[in-house]
PDB file of N, CA and C in Angstrom:
ATOM      1  N   MET A   1     140.939 -29.914-112.286  1.00  0.00           N
ATOM      2  CA  MET A   1     140.995 -29.879-110.843  1.00  0.00           C
ATOM      3  C   MET A   1     142.196 -29.044-110.378  1.00  0.00           C
ATOM      4  N   TRP A   2     143.365 -29.273-110.974  1.00  0.00           N
ATOM      5  CA  TRP A   2     144.549 -28.533-110.554  1.00  0.00           C
ATOM      6  C   TRP A   2     144.452 -27.069-110.961  1.00  0.00           C
ATOM      7  N   TYR A   3     143.720 -26.810-112.032  1.00  0.00           N
ATOM      8  CA  TYR A   3     143.614 -25.440-112.538  1.00  0.00           C
ATOM      9  C   TYR A   3     142.885 -24.535-111.545  1.00  0.00           C
ATOM     10  N   GLY A   4     141.858 -25.041-110.900  1.00  0.00           N
ATOM     11  CA  GLY A   4     141.136 -24.252-109.901  1.00  0.00           C
ATOM     12  C   GLY A   4     142.008 -23.897-108.714  1.00  0.00           C
ATOM     13  N   VAL A   5     142.760 -24.859-108.219  1.00  0.00           N
ATOM     14  CA  VAL A   5     143.660 -24.604-107.090  1.00  0.00           C
ATOM     15  C   VAL A   5     144.750 -23.617-107.511  1.00  0.00           C
ATOM     16  N   PHE A   6     145.275 -23.804-108.712  1.00  0.00           N
ATOM     17  CA  PHE A   6     146.324 -22.910-109.215  1.00  0.00           C
ATOM     18  C   PHE A   6     145.817 -21.477-109.348  1.00  0.00           C
ATOM     19  N   LEU A   7     144.626 -21.293-109.885  1.00  0.00           N
ATOM     20  CA  LEU A   7     144.099 -19.942-110.047  1.00  0.00           C
ATOM     21  C   LEU A   7     143.877 -19.246-108.706  1.00  0.00           C
ATOM     22  N   TRP A   8     143.370 -19.979-107.725  1.00  0.00           N
ATOM     23  CA  TRP A   8     143.184 -19.374-106.408  1.00  0.00           C
ATOM     24  C   TRP A   8     144.515 -19.042-105.759  1.00  0.00           C
ATOM     25  N   ALA A   9     145.519 -19.879-105.964  1.00  0.00           N
ATOM     26  CA  ALA A   9     146.846 -19.576-105.421  1.00  0.00           C
ATOM     27  C   ALA A   9     147.426 -18.332-106.092  1.00  0.00           C
ATOM     28  N   LEU A  10     147.234 -18.193-107.386  1.00  0.00           N
ATOM     29  CA  LEU A  10     147.744 -17.031-108.111  1.00  0.00           C
ATOM     30  C   LEU A  10     147.025 -15.758-107.683  1.00  0.00           C
ATOM     31  N   VAL A  11     145.705 -15.805-107.601  1.00  0.00           N
ATOM     32  CA  VAL A  11     144.933 -14.615-107.218  1.00  0.00           C
ATOM     33  C   VAL A  11     145.237 -14.203-105.782  1.00  0.00           C
ATOM     34  N   SER A  12     145.305 -15.146-104.878  1.00  0.00           N
ATOM     35  CA  SER A  12     145.588 -14.792-103.485  1.00  0.00           C
ATOM     36  C   SER A  12     147.025 -14.300-103.323  1.00  0.00           C
ATOM     37  N   SER A  13     147.948 -14.819-104.121  1.00  0.00           N
ATOM     38  CA  SER A  13     149.315 -14.325-104.070  1.00  0.00           C
ATOM     39  C   SER A  13     149.389 -12.889-104.574  1.00  0.00           C
ATOM     40  N   LEU A  14     148.682 -12.599-105.641  1.00  0.00           N
ATOM     41  CA  LEU A  14     148.647 -11.224-106.132  1.00  0.00           C
ATOM     42  C   LEU A  14     147.973 -10.294-105.128  1.00  0.00           C
ATOM     43  N   PHE A  15     147.007 -10.818-104.391  1.00  0.00           N
ATOM     44  CA  PHE A  15     146.325 -10.028-103.367  1.00  0.00           C
ATOM     45  C   PHE A  15     147.303  -9.564-102.284  1.00  0.00           C
ATOM     46  N   PHE A  16     148.320 -10.367-101.975  1.00  0.00           N
ATOM     47  CA  PHE A  16     149.321  -9.984-100.987  1.00  0.00           C
ATOM     48  C   PHE A  16     150.467  -9.178-101.600  1.00  0.00           C
ATOM     49  N   HIS A  17     150.916  -9.560-102.793  1.00  0.00           N
ATOM     50  CA  HIS A  17     152.126  -8.972-103.341  1.00  0.00           C
ATOM     51  C   HIS A  17     151.913  -7.615-104.010  1.00  0.00           C
ATOM     52  N   VAL A  18     150.765  -7.372-104.592  1.00  0.00           N
ATOM     53  CA  VAL A  18     150.536  -6.078-105.246  1.00  0.00           C
ATOM     54  C   VAL A  18     150.532  -4.937-104.229  1.00  0.00           C
ATOM     55  N   PRO A  19     149.803  -5.036-103.112  1.00  0.00           N
ATOM     56  CA  PRO A  19     149.910  -3.939-102.135  1.00  0.00           C
ATOM     57  C   PRO A  19     151.325  -3.785-101.549  1.00  0.00           C
ATOM     58  N   ALA A  20     152.014  -4.896-101.331  1.00  0.00           N
ATOM     59  CA  ALA A  20     153.381  -4.812-100.807  1.00  0.00           C
ATOM     60  C   ALA A  20     154.312  -4.139-101.820  1.00  0.00           C
ATOM     61  N   GLY A  21     154.156  -4.464-103.090  1.00  0.00           N
ATOM     62  CA  GLY A  21     154.969  -3.831-104.126  1.00  0.00           C
ATOM     63  C   GLY A  21     154.669  -2.352-104.270  1.00  0.00           C
ATOM     64  N   LEU A  22     153.391  -1.975-104.187  1.00  0.00           N
ATOM     65  CA  LEU A  22     153.030  -0.565-104.274  1.00  0.00           C
ATOM     66  C   LEU A  22     153.526   0.209-103.056  1.00  0.00           C
ATOM     67  N   LEU A  23     153.473  -0.405-101.886  1.00  0.00           N
ATOM     68  CA  LEU A  23     154.005   0.235-100.684  1.00  0.00           C
ATOM     69  C   LEU A  23     155.518   0.428-100.796  1.00  0.00           C
ATOM     70  N   ALA A  24     156.213  -0.575-101.302  1.00  0.00           N
ATOM     71  CA  ALA A  24     157.663  -0.459-101.485  1.00  0.00           C
ATOM     72  C   ALA A  24     157.989   0.606-102.523  1.00  0.00           C
ATOM     73  N   LEU A  25     157.206   0.676-103.579  1.00  0.00           N
ATOM     74  CA  LEU A  25     157.435   1.694-104.607  1.00  0.00           C
ATOM     75  C   LEU A  25     157.209   3.092-104.043  1.00  0.00           C
ATOM     76  N   PHE A  26     156.172   3.257-103.249  1.00  0.00           N
ATOM     77  CA  PHE A  26     155.872   4.561-102.669  1.00  0.00           C
ATOM     78  C   PHE A  26     156.937   4.997-101.664  1.00  0.00           C
ATOM     79  N   THR A  27     157.367   4.093-100.812  1.00  0.00           N
ATOM     80  CA  THR A  27     158.318   4.477 -99.769  1.00  0.00           C
ATOM     81  C   THR A  27     159.754   4.576-100.276  1.00  0.00           C
ATOM     82  N   LEU A  28     160.088   3.849-101.324  1.00  0.00           N
ATOM     83  CA  LEU A  28     161.469   3.855-101.840  1.00  0.00           C
ATOM     84  C   LEU A  28     161.605   4.574-103.176  1.00  0.00           C
ATOM     85  N   ARG A  29     160.675   5.448-103.504  1.00  0.00           N
ATOM     86  CA  ARG A  29     160.673   6.068-104.832  1.00  0.00           C
ATOM     87  C   ARG A  29     161.855   7.010-105.047  1.00  0.00           C
ATOM     88  N   HIS A  30     162.445   7.556-103.991  1.00  0.00           N
ATOM     89  CA  HIS A  30     163.580   8.462-104.139  1.00  0.00           C
ATOM     90  C   HIS A  30     164.921   7.762-103.987  1.00  0.00           C
ATOM     91  N   HIS A  31     164.911   6.508-103.605  1.00  0.00           N
ATOM     92  CA  HIS A  31     166.157   5.758-103.423  1.00  0.00           C
ATOM     93  C   HIS A  31     166.714   5.357-104.783  1.00  0.00           C
ATOM     94  N   LYS A  32     168.047   5.355-104.884  1.00  0.00           N
ATOM     95  CA  LYS A  32     168.670   5.074-106.178  1.00  0.00           C
ATOM     96  C   LYS A  32     168.394   3.657-106.669  1.00  0.00           C
ATOM     97  N   TYR A  33     168.563   2.665-105.801  1.00  0.00           N
ATOM     98  CA  TYR A  33     168.353   1.276-106.196  1.00  0.00           C
ATOM     99  C   TYR A  33     167.125   0.653-105.538  1.00  0.00           C
ATOM    100  N   GLY A  34     166.635   1.261-104.478  1.00  0.00           N
ATOM    101  CA  GLY A  34     165.521   0.695-103.725  1.00  0.00           C
ATOM    102  C   GLY A  34     164.229   0.620-104.503  1.00  0.00           C
ATOM    103  N   ARG A  35     164.048   1.517-105.480  1.00  0.00           N
ATOM    104  CA  ARG A  35     162.794   1.477-106.248  1.00  0.00           C
ATOM    105  C   ARG A  35     162.653   0.201-107.066  1.00  0.00           C
ATOM    106  N   PHE A  36     163.752  -0.458-107.342  1.00  0.00           N
ATOM    107  CA  PHE A  36     163.677  -1.707-108.104  1.00  0.00           C
ATOM    108  C   PHE A  36     163.246  -2.890-107.234  1.00  0.00           C
ATOM    109  N   MET A  37     163.270  -2.719-105.928  1.00  0.00           N
ATOM    110  CA  MET A  37     162.786  -3.787-105.036  1.00  0.00           C
ATOM    111  C   MET A  37     161.292  -4.017-105.216  1.00  0.00           C
ATOM    112  N   SER A  38     160.557  -2.969-105.516  1.00  0.00           N
ATOM    113  CA  SER A  38     159.116  -3.134-105.733  1.00  0.00           C
ATOM    114  C   SER A  38     158.852  -3.982-106.965  1.00  0.00           C
ATOM    115  N   VAL A  39     159.683  -3.861-107.972  1.00  0.00           N
ATOM    116  CA  VAL A  39     159.529  -4.694-109.174  1.00  0.00           C
ATOM    117  C   VAL A  39     159.795  -6.153-108.834  1.00  0.00           C
ATOM    118  N   SER A  40     160.800  -6.411-107.995  1.00  0.00           N
ATOM    119  CA  SER A  40     161.090  -7.799-107.624  1.00  0.00           C
ATOM    120  C   SER A  40     159.973  -8.384-106.763  1.00  0.00           C
ATOM    121  N   ILE A  41     159.356  -7.561-105.917  1.00  0.00           N
ATOM    122  CA  ILE A  41     158.231  -8.043-105.104  1.00  0.00           C
ATOM    123  C   ILE A  41     157.063  -8.414-106.002  1.00  0.00           C
ATOM    124  N   LEU A  42     156.769  -7.572-106.989  1.00  0.00           N
ATOM    125  CA  LEU A  42     155.679  -7.877-107.922  1.00  0.00           C
ATOM    126  C   LEU A  42     155.982  -9.110-108.771  1.00  0.00           C
ATOM    127  N   LEU A  43     157.234  -9.255-109.193  1.00  0.00           N
ATOM    128  CA  LEU A  43     157.603 -10.446-109.973  1.00  0.00           C
ATOM    129  C   LEU A  43     157.477 -11.721-109.151  1.00  0.00           C
ATOM    130  N   MET A  44     157.841 -11.658-107.881  1.00  0.00           N
ATOM    131  CA  MET A  44     157.697 -12.846-107.036  1.00  0.00           C
ATOM    132  C   MET A  44     156.233 -13.191-106.812  1.00  0.00           C
ATOM    133  N   GLY A  45     155.368 -12.195-106.833  1.00  0.00           N
ATOM    134  CA  GLY A  45     153.939 -12.455-106.709  1.00  0.00           C
ATOM    135  C   GLY A  45     153.362 -13.166-107.911  1.00  0.00           C
ATOM    136  N   ILE A  46     154.049 -13.075-109.047  1.00  0.00           N
ATOM    137  CA  ILE A  46     153.578 -13.740-110.265  1.00  0.00           C
ATOM    138  C   ILE A  46     154.368 -15.010-110.551  1.00  0.00           C
ATOM    139  N   VAL A  47     155.689 -14.918-110.479  1.00  0.00           N
ATOM    140  CA  VAL A  47     156.551 -16.047-110.842  1.00  0.00           C
ATOM    141  C   VAL A  47     156.453 -17.183-109.826  1.00  0.00           C
ATOM    142  N   GLY A  48     156.343 -16.851-108.556  1.00  0.00           N
ATOM    143  CA  GLY A  48     156.263 -17.882-107.515  1.00  0.00           C
ATOM    144  C   GLY A  48     155.091 -18.822-107.690  1.00  0.00           C
ATOM    145  N   PRO A  49     153.874 -18.291-107.808  1.00  0.00           N
ATOM    146  CA  PRO A  49     152.736 -19.191-108.006  1.00  0.00           C
ATOM    147  C   PRO A  49     152.759 -19.914-109.352  1.00  0.00           C
ATOM    148  N   ILE A  50     153.348 -19.286-110.365  1.00  0.00           N
ATOM    149  CA  ILE A  50     153.384 -19.965-111.661  1.00  0.00           C
ATOM    150  C   ILE A  50     154.312 -21.168-111.616  1.00  0.00           C
ATOM    151  N   THR A  51     155.447 -21.054-110.946  1.00  0.00           N
ATOM    152  CA  THR A  51     156.378 -22.184-110.910  1.00  0.00           C
ATOM    153  C   THR A  51     156.004 -23.194-109.832  1.00  0.00           C
ATOM    154  N   ALA A  52     156.036 -22.752-108.583  1.00  0.00           N
ATOM    155  CA  ALA A  52     155.758 -23.683-107.482  1.00  0.00           C
ATOM    156  C   ALA A  52     154.270 -23.982-107.350  1.00  0.00           C
ATOM    157  N   GLY A  53     153.436 -23.016-107.672  1.00  0.00           N
ATOM    158  CA  GLY A  53     151.992 -23.221-107.565  1.00  0.00           C
ATOM    159  C   GLY A  53     151.463 -24.276-108.515  1.00  0.00           C
ATOM    160  N   VAL A  54     152.018 -24.330-109.712  1.00  0.00           N
ATOM    161  CA  VAL A  54     151.595 -25.357-110.666  1.00  0.00           C
ATOM    162  C   VAL A  54     151.953 -26.743-110.151  1.00  0.00           C
ATOM    163  N   LEU A  55     153.144 -26.876-109.607  1.00  0.00           N
ATOM    164  CA  LEU A  55     153.587 -28.194-109.122  1.00  0.00           C
ATOM    165  C   LEU A  55     152.774 -28.654-107.913  1.00  0.00           C
ATOM    166  N   THR A  56     152.573 -27.761-106.947  1.00  0.00           N
ATOM    167  CA  THR A  56     151.822 -28.173-105.767  1.00  0.00           C
ATOM    168  C   THR A  56     150.345 -28.383-106.077  1.00  0.00           C
ATOM    169  N   SER A  57     149.800 -27.591-106.982  1.00  0.00           N
ATOM    170  CA  SER A  57     148.404 -27.789-107.378  1.00  0.00           C
ATOM    171  C   SER A  57     148.228 -29.112-108.107  1.00  0.00           C
ATOM    172  N   ALA A  58     149.190 -29.467-108.948  1.00  0.00           N
ATOM    173  CA  ALA A  58     149.124 -30.753-109.637  1.00  0.00           C
ATOM    174  C   ALA A  58     149.261 -31.913-108.655  1.00  0.00           C
ATOM    175  N   ALA A  59     150.092 -31.744-107.629  1.00  0.00           N
ATOM    176  CA  ALA A  59     150.239 -32.797-106.617  1.00  0.00           C
ATOM    177  C   ALA A  59     148.941 -32.977-105.832  1.00  0.00           C
ATOM    178  N   ILE A  60     148.305 -31.875-105.473  1.00  0.00           N
ATOM    179  CA  ILE A  60     147.028 -31.960-104.751  1.00  0.00           C
ATOM    180  C   ILE A  60     145.963 -32.614-105.626  1.00  0.00           C
ATOM    181  N   ALA A  61     145.910 -32.218-106.894  1.00  0.00           N
ATOM    182  CA  ALA A  61     144.935 -32.810-107.806  1.00  0.00           C
ATOM    183  C   ALA A  61     145.215 -34.292-108.030  1.00  0.00           C
ATOM    184  N   GLY A  62     146.488 -34.668-108.044  1.00  0.00           N
ATOM    185  CA  GLY A  62     146.832 -36.080-108.190  1.00  0.00           C
ATOM    186  C   GLY A  62     146.368 -36.914-107.011  1.00  0.00           C
ATOM    187  N   VAL A  63     146.464 -36.365-105.815  1.00  0.00           N
ATOM    188  CA  VAL A  63     145.986 -37.078-104.628  1.00  0.00           C
ATOM    189  C   VAL A  63     144.470 -37.247-104.695  1.00  0.00           C
ATOM    190  N   TYR A  64     143.784 -36.184-105.080  1.00  0.00           N
ATOM    191  CA  TYR A  64     142.331 -36.273-105.202  1.00  0.00           C
ATOM    192  C   TYR A  64     141.932 -37.291-106.277  1.00  0.00           C
ATOM    193  N   ARG A  65     142.631 -37.289-107.389  1.00  0.00           N
ATOM    194  CA  ARG A  65     142.308 -38.220-108.470  1.00  0.00           C
ATOM    195  C   ARG A  65     142.584 -39.655-108.051  1.00  0.00           C
ATOM    196  N   ALA A  66     143.702 -39.878-107.348  1.00  0.00           N
ATOM    197  CA  ALA A  66     144.033 -41.229-106.898  1.00  0.00           C
ATOM    198  C   ALA A  66     143.024 -41.730-105.867  1.00  0.00           C
ATOM    199  N   ALA A  67     142.491 -40.811-105.085  1.00  0.00           N
ATOM    200  CA  ALA A  67     141.496 -41.199-104.092  1.00  0.00           C
ATOM    201  C   ALA A  67     140.105 -41.348-104.698  1.00  0.00           C
ATOM    202  N   GLY A  68     139.945 -40.907-105.938  1.00  0.00           N
ATOM    203  CA  GLY A  68     138.655 -41.014-106.604  1.00  0.00           C
ATOM    204  C   GLY A  68     137.628 -40.015-106.091  1.00  0.00           C
ATOM    205  N   LYS A  69     138.088 -38.882-105.603  1.00  0.00           N
ATOM    206  CA  LYS A  69     137.181 -37.869-105.063  1.00  0.00           C
ATOM    207  C   LYS A  69     137.044 -36.705-106.022  1.00  0.00           C
ATOM    208  N   GLN A  70     135.908 -36.035-105.938  1.00  0.00           N
ATOM    209  CA  GLN A  70     135.677 -34.817-106.698  1.00  0.00           C
ATOM    210  C   GLN A  70     136.015 -33.618-105.827  1.00  0.00           C
ATOM    211  N   MET A  71     136.516 -32.552-106.439  1.00  0.00           N
ATOM    212  CA  MET A  71     136.861 -31.355-105.698  1.00  0.00           C
ATOM    213  C   MET A  71     135.798 -30.291-105.949  1.00  0.00           C
ATOM    214  N   ILE A  72     135.178 -29.823-104.877  1.00  0.00           N
ATOM    215  CA  ILE A  72     134.207 -28.753-105.022  1.00  0.00           C
ATOM    216  C   ILE A  72     134.968 -27.422-105.059  1.00  0.00           C
ATOM    217  N   PRO A  73     134.374 -26.363-105.607  1.00  0.00           N
ATOM    218  CA  PRO A  73     135.093 -25.083-105.732  1.00  0.00           C
ATOM    219  C   PRO A  73     135.576 -24.499-104.399  1.00  0.00           C
ATOM    220  N   PHE A  74     134.832 -24.727-103.318  1.00  0.00           N
ATOM    221  CA  PHE A  74     135.279 -24.202-102.032  1.00  0.00           C
ATOM    222  C   PHE A  74     136.568 -24.881-101.572  1.00  0.00           C
ATOM    223  N   GLU A  75     136.739 -26.152-101.877  1.00  0.00           N
ATOM    224  CA  GLU A  75     137.986 -26.839-101.539  1.00  0.00           C
ATOM    225  C   GLU A  75     139.146 -26.264-102.340  1.00  0.00           C
ATOM    226  N   ALA A  76     138.906 -25.942-103.615  1.00  0.00           N
ATOM    227  CA  ALA A  76     139.951 -25.331-104.437  1.00  0.00           C
ATOM    228  C   ALA A  76     140.348 -23.972-103.865  1.00  0.00           C
ATOM    229  N   LEU A  77     139.358 -23.194-103.413  1.00  0.00           N
ATOM    230  CA  LEU A  77     139.636 -21.903-102.793  1.00  0.00           C
ATOM    231  C   LEU A  77     140.455 -22.082-101.526  1.00  0.00           C
ATOM    232  N   THR A  78     140.071 -23.018-100.699  1.00  0.00           N
ATOM    233  CA  THR A  78     140.772 -23.253 -99.442  1.00  0.00           C
ATOM    234  C   THR A  78     142.208 -23.716 -99.679  1.00  0.00           C
ATOM    235  N   LEU A  79     142.393 -24.634-100.607  1.00  0.00           N
ATOM    236  CA  LEU A  79     143.737 -25.144-100.867  1.00  0.00           C
ATOM    237  C   LEU A  79     144.624 -24.100-101.548  1.00  0.00           C
ATOM    238  N   GLY A  80     144.068 -23.309-102.457  1.00  0.00           N
ATOM    239  CA  GLY A  80     144.847 -22.274-103.134  1.00  0.00           C
ATOM    240  C   GLY A  80     145.271 -21.161-102.203  1.00  0.00           C
ATOM    241  N   THR A  81     144.334 -20.683-101.389  1.00  0.00           N
ATOM    242  CA  THR A  81     144.702 -19.636-100.435  1.00  0.00           C
ATOM    243  C   THR A  81     145.584 -20.198 -99.319  1.00  0.00           C
ATOM    244  N   GLY A  82     145.440 -21.472 -99.017  1.00  0.00           N
ATOM    245  CA  GLY A  82     146.317 -22.114 -98.038  1.00  0.00           C
ATOM    246  C   GLY A  82     147.759 -22.156 -98.506  1.00  0.00           C
ATOM    247  N   GLN A  83     147.953 -22.379 -99.794  1.00  0.00           N
ATOM    248  CA  GLN A  83     149.310 -22.347-100.338  1.00  0.00           C
ATOM    249  C   GLN A  83     149.927 -20.959-100.174  1.00  0.00           C
ATOM    250  N   THR A  84     149.156 -19.941-100.477  1.00  0.00           N
ATOM    251  CA  THR A  84     149.663 -18.577-100.337  1.00  0.00           C
ATOM    252  C   THR A  84     149.932 -18.244 -98.882  1.00  0.00           C
ATOM    253  N   PHE A  85     149.051 -18.672 -97.990  1.00  0.00           N
ATOM    254  CA  PHE A  85     149.247 -18.421 -96.564  1.00  0.00           C
ATOM    255  C   PHE A  85     150.549 -19.058 -96.088  1.00  0.00           C
ATOM    256  N   CYS A  86     150.828 -20.277 -96.535  1.00  0.00           N
ATOM    257  CA  CYS A  86     152.076 -20.949 -96.138  1.00  0.00           C
ATOM    258  C   CYS A  86     153.297 -20.195 -96.657  1.00  0.00           C
ATOM    259  N   VAL A  87     153.219 -19.688 -97.875  1.00  0.00           N
ATOM    260  CA  VAL A  87     154.336 -18.918 -98.441  1.00  0.00           C
ATOM    261  C   VAL A  87     154.551 -17.635 -97.655  1.00  0.00           C
ATOM    262  N   VAL A  88     153.478 -16.951 -97.298  1.00  0.00           N
ATOM    263  CA  VAL A  88     153.595 -15.707 -96.527  1.00  0.00           C
ATOM    264  C   VAL A  88     154.181 -15.979 -95.149  1.00  0.00           C
ATOM    265  N   VAL A  89     153.743 -17.023 -94.488  1.00  0.00           N
ATOM    266  CA  VAL A  89     154.265 -17.355 -93.160  1.00  0.00           C
ATOM    267  C   VAL A  89     155.749 -17.694 -93.235  1.00  0.00           C
ATOM    268  N   VAL A  90     156.146 -18.499 -94.198  1.00  0.00           N
ATOM    269  CA  VAL A  90     157.558 -18.851 -94.341  1.00  0.00           C
ATOM    270  C   VAL A  90     158.389 -17.617 -94.671  1.00  0.00           C
ATOM    271  N   SER A  91     157.856 -16.713 -95.484  1.00  0.00           N
ATOM    272  CA  SER A  91     158.585 -15.485 -95.825  1.00  0.00           C
ATOM    273  C   SER A  91     158.817 -14.624 -94.594  1.00  0.00           C
ATOM    274  N   PHE A  92     157.794 -14.459 -93.758  1.00  0.00           N
ATOM    275  CA  PHE A  92     157.970 -13.658 -92.555  1.00  0.00           C
ATOM    276  C   PHE A  92     158.920 -14.319 -91.573  1.00  0.00           C
ATOM    277  N   LEU A  93     158.849 -15.627 -91.425  1.00  0.00           N
ATOM    278  CA  LEU A  93     159.741 -16.312 -90.499  1.00  0.00           C
ATOM    279  C   LEU A  93     161.184 -16.253 -90.968  1.00  0.00           C
ATOM    280  N   ARG A  94     161.398 -16.300 -92.253  1.00  0.00           N
ATOM    281  CA  ARG A  94     162.750 -16.240 -92.783  1.00  0.00           C
ATOM    282  C   ARG A  94     163.350 -14.852 -92.554  1.00  0.00           C
ATOM    283  N   ILE A  95     162.561 -13.791 -92.705  1.00  0.00           N
ATOM    284  CA  ILE A  95     163.062 -12.437 -92.476  1.00  0.00           C
ATOM    285  C   ILE A  95     163.412 -12.250 -91.006  1.00  0.00           C
ATOM    286  N   LEU A  96     162.557 -12.718 -90.110  1.00  0.00           N
ATOM    287  CA  LEU A  96     162.811 -12.565 -88.678  1.00  0.00           C
ATOM    288  C   LEU A  96     164.035 -13.357 -88.233  1.00  0.00           C
ATOM    289  N   ALA A  97     164.322 -14.459 -88.899  1.00  0.00           N
ATOM    290  CA  ALA A  97     165.476 -15.270 -88.511  1.00  0.00           C
ATOM    291  C   ALA A  97     166.786 -14.575 -88.862  1.00  0.00           C
ATOM    292  N   THR A  98     166.772 -13.655 -89.817  1.00  0.00           N
ATOM    293  CA  THR A  98     168.002 -12.978 -90.215  1.00  0.00           C
ATOM    294  C   THR A  98     168.285 -11.738 -89.377  1.00  0.00           C
ATOM    295  N   LEU A  99     167.336 -11.310 -88.553  1.00  0.00           N
ATOM    296  CA  LEU A  99     167.563 -10.098 -87.758  1.00  0.00           C
ATOM    297  C   LEU A  99     168.461 -10.341 -86.585  1.00  0.00           C
TER     298      LEU A  99
END
């Protein structure tokens, strides 16, 4: 149960972070240190869901198991992409707060 939610969170996170990393690589390719920012963006797209995504997916699966409910694949998709959406929203709000 947790594996389905985790996979959707990982795939949806890569869906957001890969284009952002490629855009950063393209626009900062001549900068001395800026080109390494694209690598950090890509790493966050992978490392973030692996660390925090596993924990939150396990927590969601634990709630479902304790309630005695089965999770259909569409619920796993919704919960996994919802995790990524929350991360993206918090990331944008944090950047705007520093301006």
